[in-house]
Amino acid sequence: MGNCFSESKKLFENKMKKFILDRLPQLFIVLIVVFSYTLVFNHAKAVGLEKYYKEDLTEADKVNIVLFNVLQGIDMLQTLEIANNDDYYEKNKILGKHPSEAQVITYFISRGVAHYHVTKMIPERYRKFWHTYNVVYNYDVIRDNHQLGIRIDF
């Protein structure tokens, strides 16, 4: 009786683990969007950086920051696929060829935070170039990864 219960418990734990792990990509995208929303729309303030901020963010800036972070989320999920697959290797010299999942997540969160603060430091008249460059660059990286066969399954 105890052995049967133990096996049922292990089976349940394995199914729950698989259920959660299968939904991690969606969870990461939701967390990135929520993180972007919190930064942009709740006017989160970084300690000591306010003195470098040029002008307030416009609505277009806020939309572009969210778009940047969504693209970052997709790139992060592709990079996690690379990290967990020996058939591919990462070209980003900061991360190395086979980064750990923790390194990937830390890198992309740091990059998102840095992007937000740099956006606030750039004078408004130059921000459209900043946003265009970042969105096009991230889109190209995602497209190139996709062409190599790196997929994100939902």
N, C-alpha and C. Protein backbone atom coordinates (compact mmCIF):
# COMPACT_ATOMS: atom_id res chain seq x y z
N MET A 1 0.82 -1.19 0.00
CA MET A 1 0.00 0.00 0.00
C MET A 1 0.86 1.25 0.00
N GLY A 2 1.89 1.27 0.88
CA GLY A 2 2.78 2.44 0.97
C GLY A 2 3.56 2.63 -0.31
N ASN A 3 3.97 1.54 -0.96
CA ASN A 3 4.73 1.61 -2.20
C ASN A 3 3.89 2.20 -3.32
N CYS A 4 2.62 1.83 -3.38
CA CYS A 4 1.70 2.34 -4.39
C CYS A 4 1.49 3.85 -4.21
N PHE A 5 1.34 4.26 -2.94
CA PHE A 5 1.18 5.69 -2.64
C PHE A 5 2.43 6.46 -3.04
N SER A 6 3.60 5.88 -2.76
CA SER A 6 4.87 6.52 -3.09
C SER A 6 5.02 6.68 -4.61
N GLU A 7 4.64 5.65 -5.34
CA GLU A 7 4.71 5.73 -6.80
C GLU A 7 3.73 6.76 -7.35
N SER A 8 2.52 6.81 -6.79
CA SER A 8 1.52 7.80 -7.22
C SER A 8 2.01 9.21 -6.94
N LYS A 9 2.62 9.39 -5.79
CA LYS A 9 3.15 10.71 -5.42
C LYS A 9 4.25 11.14 -6.40
N LYS A 10 5.17 10.22 -6.72
CA LYS A 10 6.24 10.52 -7.68
C LYS A 10 5.67 10.85 -9.05
N LEU A 11 4.67 10.08 -9.49
CA LEU A 11 4.04 10.33 -10.77
C LEU A 11 3.39 11.71 -10.80
N PHE A 12 2.67 12.04 -9.72
CA PHE A 12 2.04 13.35 -9.61
C PHE A 12 3.09 14.47 -9.64
N GLU A 13 4.18 14.31 -8.88
CA GLU A 13 5.23 15.32 -8.85
C GLU A 13 5.87 15.50 -10.23
N ASN A 14 6.11 14.39 -10.91
CA ASN A 14 6.70 14.48 -12.25
C ASN A 14 5.76 15.17 -13.23
N LYS A 15 4.47 14.87 -13.15
CA LYS A 15 3.49 15.51 -14.05
C LYS A 15 3.39 17.00 -13.75
N MET A 16 3.40 17.37 -12.48
CA MET A 16 3.34 18.78 -12.11
C MET A 16 4.59 19.52 -12.58
N LYS A 17 5.74 18.89 -12.40
CA LYS A 17 7.00 19.50 -12.84
C LYS A 17 6.98 19.74 -14.34
N LYS A 18 6.54 18.72 -15.08
CA LYS A 18 6.44 18.86 -16.54
C LYS A 18 5.44 19.93 -16.92
N PHE A 19 4.30 19.98 -16.24
CA PHE A 19 3.27 20.99 -16.51
C PHE A 19 3.84 22.40 -16.34
N ILE A 20 4.56 22.61 -15.24
CA ILE A 20 5.13 23.94 -14.96
C ILE A 20 6.24 24.26 -15.96
N LEU A 21 7.15 23.33 -16.19
CA LEU A 21 8.27 23.58 -17.10
C LEU A 21 7.80 23.82 -18.53
N ASP A 22 6.73 23.15 -18.94
CA ASP A 22 6.20 23.35 -20.28
C ASP A 22 5.62 24.75 -20.47
N ARG A 23 5.26 25.40 -19.38
CA ARG A 23 4.66 26.74 -19.45
C ARG A 23 5.62 27.86 -19.07
N LEU A 24 6.88 27.55 -18.85
CA LEU A 24 7.85 28.59 -18.48
C LEU A 24 7.99 29.68 -19.54
N PRO A 25 8.01 29.37 -20.83
CA PRO A 25 8.12 30.46 -21.81
C PRO A 25 7.00 31.49 -21.68
N GLN A 26 5.77 31.02 -21.51
CA GLN A 26 4.66 31.95 -21.37
C GLN A 26 4.82 32.76 -20.08
N LEU A 27 5.25 32.12 -19.01
CA LEU A 27 5.45 32.81 -17.74
C LEU A 27 6.50 33.90 -17.87
N PHE A 28 7.60 33.61 -18.56
CA PHE A 28 8.65 34.61 -18.74
C PHE A 28 8.14 35.82 -19.52
N ILE A 29 7.39 35.58 -20.57
CA ILE A 29 6.86 36.70 -21.36
C ILE A 29 5.91 37.54 -20.50
N VAL A 30 5.06 36.89 -19.73
CA VAL A 30 4.15 37.63 -18.85
C VAL A 30 4.94 38.45 -17.84
N LEU A 31 5.97 37.85 -17.25
CA LEU A 31 6.79 38.58 -16.27
C LEU A 31 7.51 39.76 -16.90
N ILE A 32 7.99 39.61 -18.11
CA ILE A 32 8.68 40.71 -18.78
C ILE A 32 7.70 41.84 -19.08
N VAL A 33 6.51 41.50 -19.54
CA VAL A 33 5.51 42.54 -19.82
C VAL A 33 5.11 43.25 -18.53
N VAL A 34 4.90 42.50 -17.45
CA VAL A 34 4.55 43.11 -16.17
C VAL A 34 5.69 43.99 -15.68
N PHE A 35 6.91 43.51 -15.82
CA PHE A 35 8.09 44.28 -15.42
C PHE A 35 8.17 45.59 -16.21
N SER A 36 7.97 45.50 -17.51
CA SER A 36 7.98 46.69 -18.36
C SER A 36 6.89 47.66 -17.95
N TYR A 37 5.71 47.13 -17.73
CA TYR A 37 4.59 47.97 -17.33
C TYR A 37 4.90 48.70 -16.03
N THR A 38 5.45 47.97 -15.07
CA THR A 38 5.78 48.57 -13.77
C THR A 38 6.81 49.68 -13.93
N LEU A 39 7.84 49.43 -14.71
CA LEU A 39 8.86 50.45 -14.92
C LEU A 39 8.32 51.68 -15.63
N VAL A 40 7.57 51.46 -16.68
CA VAL A 40 7.15 52.56 -17.54
C VAL A 40 5.97 53.32 -16.97
N PHE A 41 4.95 52.63 -16.56
CA PHE A 41 3.71 53.30 -16.20
C PHE A 41 3.58 53.65 -14.72
N ASN A 42 4.39 53.06 -13.88
CA ASN A 42 4.36 53.42 -12.46
C ASN A 42 5.49 54.36 -12.08
N HIS A 43 6.24 54.81 -13.07
CA HIS A 43 7.31 55.78 -12.86
C HIS A 43 8.28 55.34 -11.77
N ALA A 44 8.76 54.09 -11.87
CA ALA A 44 9.73 53.60 -10.90
C ALA A 44 10.99 54.46 -10.98
N LYS A 45 11.55 54.78 -9.83
CA LYS A 45 12.73 55.65 -9.78
C LYS A 45 13.93 54.83 -9.34
N ALA A 46 15.02 54.99 -10.05
CA ALA A 46 16.26 54.34 -9.68
C ALA A 46 17.02 55.26 -8.74
N VAL A 47 17.71 54.68 -7.81
CA VAL A 47 18.45 55.47 -6.83
C VAL A 47 19.62 56.18 -7.52
N GLY A 48 19.60 57.50 -7.46
CA GLY A 48 20.72 58.30 -7.95
C GLY A 48 20.77 58.56 -9.44
N LEU A 49 19.92 57.95 -10.22
CA LEU A 49 19.99 58.16 -11.67
C LEU A 49 19.13 59.32 -12.14
N GLU A 50 18.23 59.81 -11.31
CA GLU A 50 17.31 60.87 -11.72
C GLU A 50 18.03 62.10 -12.23
N LYS A 51 19.21 62.38 -11.68
CA LYS A 51 19.93 63.59 -12.10
C LYS A 51 20.40 63.52 -13.55
N TYR A 52 20.45 62.31 -14.11
CA TYR A 52 20.87 62.16 -15.50
C TYR A 52 19.70 62.12 -16.48
N TYR A 53 18.49 62.02 -15.97
CA TYR A 53 17.33 61.94 -16.85
C TYR A 53 17.12 63.28 -17.53
N LYS A 54 16.93 63.24 -18.85
CA LYS A 54 16.78 64.47 -19.63
C LYS A 54 15.34 64.98 -19.59
N GLU A 55 14.43 64.26 -20.20
CA GLU A 55 13.02 64.65 -20.23
C GLU A 55 12.17 63.45 -19.84
N ASP A 56 10.92 63.72 -19.49
CA ASP A 56 10.01 62.63 -19.16
C ASP A 56 9.79 61.76 -20.39
N LEU A 57 9.41 60.52 -20.13
CA LEU A 57 9.11 59.61 -21.23
C LEU A 57 7.80 60.01 -21.90
N THR A 58 7.78 59.97 -23.23
CA THR A 58 6.55 60.21 -23.97
C THR A 58 5.78 58.90 -24.07
N GLU A 59 4.55 58.97 -24.56
CA GLU A 59 3.77 57.75 -24.76
C GLU A 59 4.47 56.83 -25.77
N ALA A 60 5.07 57.42 -26.80
CA ALA A 60 5.80 56.62 -27.79
C ALA A 60 6.99 55.92 -27.15
N ASP A 61 7.68 56.61 -26.24
CA ASP A 61 8.80 55.98 -25.53
C ASP A 61 8.30 54.78 -24.72
N LYS A 62 7.19 54.94 -24.04
CA LYS A 62 6.65 53.86 -23.21
C LYS A 62 6.28 52.65 -24.06
N VAL A 63 5.65 52.90 -25.18
CA VAL A 63 5.27 51.81 -26.09
C VAL A 63 6.52 51.10 -26.61
N ASN A 64 7.54 51.87 -26.99
CA ASN A 64 8.76 51.29 -27.51
C ASN A 64 9.54 50.52 -26.45
N ILE A 65 9.50 50.96 -25.22
CA ILE A 65 10.15 50.21 -24.14
C ILE A 65 9.46 48.87 -23.93
N VAL A 66 8.15 48.87 -23.95
CA VAL A 66 7.41 47.60 -23.82
C VAL A 66 7.72 46.69 -25.02
N LEU A 67 7.71 47.25 -26.23
CA LEU A 67 8.03 46.47 -27.42
C LEU A 67 9.43 45.88 -27.33
N PHE A 68 10.39 46.70 -26.91
CA PHE A 68 11.76 46.23 -26.73
C PHE A 68 11.79 45.04 -25.77
N ASN A 69 11.08 45.15 -24.65
CA ASN A 69 11.11 44.08 -23.66
C ASN A 69 10.40 42.82 -24.13
N VAL A 70 9.37 42.96 -24.93
CA VAL A 70 8.72 41.77 -25.50
C VAL A 70 9.70 41.07 -26.46
N LEU A 71 10.36 41.84 -27.31
CA LEU A 71 11.36 41.25 -28.21
C LEU A 71 12.50 40.63 -27.42
N GLN A 72 12.91 41.29 -26.34
CA GLN A 72 13.94 40.75 -25.46
C GLN A 72 13.48 39.41 -24.88
N GLY A 73 12.20 39.34 -24.50
CA GLY A 73 11.67 38.09 -23.95
C GLY A 73 11.74 36.95 -24.94
N ILE A 74 11.41 37.24 -26.18
CA ILE A 74 11.49 36.21 -27.23
C ILE A 74 12.94 35.79 -27.44
N ASP A 75 13.84 36.78 -27.52
CA ASP A 75 15.28 36.48 -27.67
C ASP A 75 15.77 35.66 -26.48
N MET A 76 15.32 36.01 -25.28
CA MET A 76 15.74 35.27 -24.09
C MET A 76 15.28 33.81 -24.18
N LEU A 77 14.04 33.59 -24.61
CA LEU A 77 13.55 32.22 -24.74
C LEU A 77 14.34 31.44 -25.79
N GLN A 78 14.71 32.10 -26.87
CA GLN A 78 15.55 31.44 -27.88
C GLN A 78 16.92 31.13 -27.29
N THR A 79 17.47 32.06 -26.51
CA THR A 79 18.78 31.84 -25.91
C THR A 79 18.72 30.71 -24.88
N LEU A 80 17.61 30.61 -24.15
CA LEU A 80 17.45 29.48 -23.23
C LEU A 80 17.40 28.16 -24.00
N GLU A 81 16.77 28.18 -25.17
CA GLU A 81 16.76 26.98 -26.02
C GLU A 81 18.18 26.62 -26.44
N ILE A 82 18.97 27.62 -26.79
CA ILE A 82 20.38 27.39 -27.15
C ILE A 82 21.14 26.82 -25.95
N ALA A 83 20.90 27.40 -24.78
CA ALA A 83 21.61 26.97 -23.58
C ALA A 83 21.32 25.52 -23.23
N ASN A 84 20.13 25.04 -23.58
CA ASN A 84 19.73 23.68 -23.24
C ASN A 84 19.84 22.71 -24.41
N ASN A 85 20.52 23.10 -25.47
CA ASN A 85 20.59 22.27 -26.67
C ASN A 85 22.01 22.32 -27.21
N ASP A 86 22.67 21.16 -27.23
CA ASP A 86 24.06 21.10 -27.71
C ASP A 86 24.18 21.25 -29.22
N ASP A 87 23.06 21.24 -29.95
CA ASP A 87 23.11 21.40 -31.39
C ASP A 87 23.40 22.85 -31.80
N TYR A 88 23.21 23.79 -30.87
CA TYR A 88 23.41 25.21 -31.14
C TYR A 88 24.40 25.78 -30.14
N TYR A 89 24.97 26.93 -30.48
CA TYR A 89 25.81 27.64 -29.52
C TYR A 89 25.50 29.13 -29.62
N GLU A 90 25.70 29.81 -28.52
CA GLU A 90 25.42 31.24 -28.41
C GLU A 90 26.60 32.04 -28.97
N LYS A 91 26.30 33.08 -29.74
CA LYS A 91 27.35 33.93 -30.31
C LYS A 91 27.66 35.15 -29.45
N ASN A 92 26.81 35.43 -28.47
CA ASN A 92 27.02 36.57 -27.60
C ASN A 92 28.24 36.31 -26.72
N LYS A 93 29.28 37.13 -26.87
CA LYS A 93 30.53 36.92 -26.15
C LYS A 93 30.37 37.11 -24.64
N ILE A 94 29.41 37.91 -24.24
CA ILE A 94 29.18 38.12 -22.81
C ILE A 94 28.66 36.83 -22.17
N LEU A 95 27.76 36.13 -22.84
CA LEU A 95 27.16 34.92 -22.30
C LEU A 95 28.03 33.68 -22.51
N GLY A 96 28.84 33.66 -23.54
CA GLY A 96 29.62 32.46 -23.85
C GLY A 96 28.81 31.48 -24.69
N LYS A 97 29.46 30.43 -25.18
CA LYS A 97 28.80 29.50 -26.11
C LYS A 97 27.65 28.71 -25.48
N HIS A 98 27.79 28.29 -24.24
CA HIS A 98 26.74 27.50 -23.59
C HIS A 98 26.49 28.05 -22.18
N PRO A 99 25.75 29.16 -22.10
CA PRO A 99 25.48 29.76 -20.78
C PRO A 99 24.47 28.95 -19.98
N SER A 100 24.47 29.16 -18.69
CA SER A 100 23.46 28.52 -17.84
C SER A 100 22.15 29.31 -17.96
N GLU A 101 21.07 28.70 -17.53
CA GLU A 101 19.78 29.40 -17.57
C GLU A 101 19.82 30.65 -16.69
N ALA A 102 20.46 30.56 -15.54
CA ALA A 102 20.56 31.72 -14.64
C ALA A 102 21.33 32.86 -15.30
N GLN A 103 22.39 32.55 -16.01
CA GLN A 103 23.15 33.59 -16.71
C GLN A 103 22.30 34.27 -17.77
N VAL A 104 21.54 33.48 -18.50
CA VAL A 104 20.69 34.01 -19.57
C VAL A 104 19.63 34.95 -18.99
N ILE A 105 18.94 34.49 -17.97
CA ILE A 105 17.87 35.30 -17.38
C ILE A 105 18.43 36.57 -16.76
N THR A 106 19.54 36.46 -16.04
CA THR A 106 20.17 37.63 -15.43
C THR A 106 20.59 38.63 -16.49
N TYR A 107 21.18 38.15 -17.56
CA TYR A 107 21.64 39.02 -18.65
C TYR A 107 20.47 39.81 -19.24
N PHE A 108 19.37 39.12 -19.54
CA PHE A 108 18.26 39.80 -20.20
C PHE A 108 17.51 40.75 -19.27
N ILE A 109 17.39 40.40 -18.01
CA ILE A 109 16.76 41.33 -17.06
C ILE A 109 17.64 42.57 -16.91
N SER A 110 18.94 42.38 -16.79
CA SER A 110 19.86 43.52 -16.67
C SER A 110 19.79 44.40 -17.90
N ARG A 111 19.71 43.77 -19.05
CA ARG A 111 19.65 44.53 -20.30
C ARG A 111 18.35 45.34 -20.39
N GLY A 112 17.24 44.76 -19.94
CA GLY A 112 15.97 45.48 -19.94
C GLY A 112 16.00 46.69 -19.03
N VAL A 113 16.56 46.52 -17.83
CA VAL A 113 16.66 47.63 -16.88
C VAL A 113 17.57 48.72 -17.43
N ALA A 114 18.71 48.31 -17.98
CA ALA A 114 19.65 49.28 -18.55
C ALA A 114 19.00 50.05 -19.71
N HIS A 115 18.26 49.35 -20.54
CA HIS A 115 17.59 50.00 -21.68
C HIS A 115 16.63 51.08 -21.20
N TYR A 116 15.87 50.78 -20.16
CA TYR A 116 14.92 51.74 -19.61
C TYR A 116 15.64 53.01 -19.14
N HIS A 117 16.70 52.83 -18.37
CA HIS A 117 17.40 53.99 -17.80
C HIS A 117 18.14 54.78 -18.88
N VAL A 118 18.74 54.10 -19.82
CA VAL A 118 19.41 54.81 -20.92
C VAL A 118 18.39 55.61 -21.72
N THR A 119 17.22 55.03 -21.95
CA THR A 119 16.17 55.75 -22.68
C THR A 119 15.84 57.06 -21.97
N LYS A 120 15.74 57.03 -20.67
CA LYS A 120 15.41 58.24 -19.92
C LYS A 120 16.55 59.26 -19.95
N MET A 121 17.79 58.80 -20.16
CA MET A 121 18.94 59.70 -20.20
C MET A 121 19.13 60.36 -21.55
N ILE A 122 18.63 59.74 -22.59
CA ILE A 122 18.79 60.27 -23.94
C ILE A 122 17.81 61.43 -24.15
N PRO A 123 18.29 62.54 -24.71
CA PRO A 123 17.37 63.65 -25.02
C PRO A 123 16.24 63.16 -25.94
N GLU A 124 15.07 63.71 -25.76
CA GLU A 124 13.88 63.25 -26.47
C GLU A 124 14.05 63.25 -27.99
N ARG A 125 14.72 64.23 -28.52
CA ARG A 125 14.83 64.32 -29.99
C ARG A 125 15.64 63.18 -30.60
N TYR A 126 16.45 62.48 -29.80
CA TYR A 126 17.24 61.36 -30.31
C TYR A 126 16.63 59.99 -29.99
N ARG A 127 15.59 59.96 -29.21
CA ARG A 127 15.04 58.69 -28.76
C ARG A 127 14.45 57.86 -29.88
N LYS A 128 13.90 58.49 -30.92
CA LYS A 128 13.31 57.70 -32.01
C LYS A 128 14.39 56.87 -32.70
N PHE A 129 15.61 57.39 -32.80
CA PHE A 129 16.72 56.63 -33.39
C PHE A 129 17.12 55.46 -32.48
N TRP A 130 17.15 55.73 -31.19
CA TRP A 130 17.46 54.73 -30.18
C TRP A 130 16.46 53.58 -30.23
N HIS A 131 15.19 53.93 -30.24
CA HIS A 131 14.15 52.90 -30.28
C HIS A 131 14.20 52.12 -31.59
N THR A 132 14.34 52.82 -32.70
CA THR A 132 14.39 52.14 -34.00
C THR A 132 15.54 51.16 -34.06
N TYR A 133 16.72 51.60 -33.64
CA TYR A 133 17.88 50.71 -33.66
C TYR A 133 17.63 49.46 -32.81
N ASN A 134 17.16 49.64 -31.58
CA ASN A 134 16.97 48.52 -30.67
C ASN A 134 15.90 47.55 -31.14
N VAL A 135 14.81 48.06 -31.66
CA VAL A 135 13.73 47.18 -32.13
C VAL A 135 14.19 46.41 -33.37
N VAL A 136 14.80 47.11 -34.33
CA VAL A 136 15.27 46.44 -35.55
C VAL A 136 16.35 45.42 -35.23
N TYR A 137 17.30 45.79 -34.37
CA TYR A 137 18.37 44.86 -34.00
C TYR A 137 17.79 43.60 -33.35
N ASN A 138 16.90 43.77 -32.37
CA ASN A 138 16.34 42.60 -31.69
C ASN A 138 15.49 41.75 -32.63
N TYR A 139 14.75 42.40 -33.52
CA TYR A 139 13.97 41.64 -34.49
C TYR A 139 14.89 40.81 -35.39
N ASP A 140 15.99 41.42 -35.84
CA ASP A 140 16.94 40.69 -36.69
C ASP A 140 17.53 39.48 -35.97
N VAL A 141 17.87 39.63 -34.71
CA VAL A 141 18.43 38.52 -33.94
C VAL A 141 17.40 37.39 -33.83
N ILE A 142 16.17 37.74 -33.54
CA ILE A 142 15.10 36.74 -33.43
C ILE A 142 14.89 36.03 -34.76
N ARG A 143 14.85 36.81 -35.84
CA ARG A 143 14.64 36.23 -37.17
C ARG A 143 15.80 35.30 -37.54
N ASP A 144 17.03 35.74 -37.29
CA ASP A 144 18.20 34.91 -37.60
C ASP A 144 18.17 33.60 -36.81
N ASN A 145 17.83 33.68 -35.53
CA ASN A 145 17.73 32.46 -34.72
C ASN A 145 16.66 31.53 -35.28
N HIS A 146 15.54 32.10 -35.67
CA HIS A 146 14.45 31.30 -36.22
C HIS A 146 14.90 30.61 -37.51
N GLN A 147 15.62 31.33 -38.36
CA GLN A 147 16.11 30.75 -39.61
C GLN A 147 17.10 29.63 -39.37
N LEU A 148 17.80 29.66 -38.22
CA LEU A 148 18.72 28.59 -37.88
C LEU A 148 18.00 27.35 -37.35
N GLY A 149 16.69 27.52 -37.06
CA GLY A 149 15.92 26.38 -36.57
C GLY A 149 15.60 26.45 -35.09
N ILE A 150 15.96 27.54 -34.44
CA ILE A 150 15.69 27.69 -33.01
C ILE A 150 14.24 28.09 -32.84
N ARG A 151 13.46 27.25 -32.18
CA ARG A 151 12.02 27.47 -32.04
C ARG A 151 11.64 27.60 -30.58
N ILE A 152 10.52 28.28 -30.38
CA ILE A 152 9.92 28.39 -29.05
C ILE A 152 8.55 27.73 -29.16
N ASP A 153 8.36 26.66 -28.42
CA ASP A 153 7.07 25.96 -28.47
C ASP A 153 6.16 26.46 -27.37
N PHE A 154 4.91 26.73 -27.73
CA PHE A 154 3.91 27.13 -26.76
C PHE A 154 2.85 26.07 -26.66
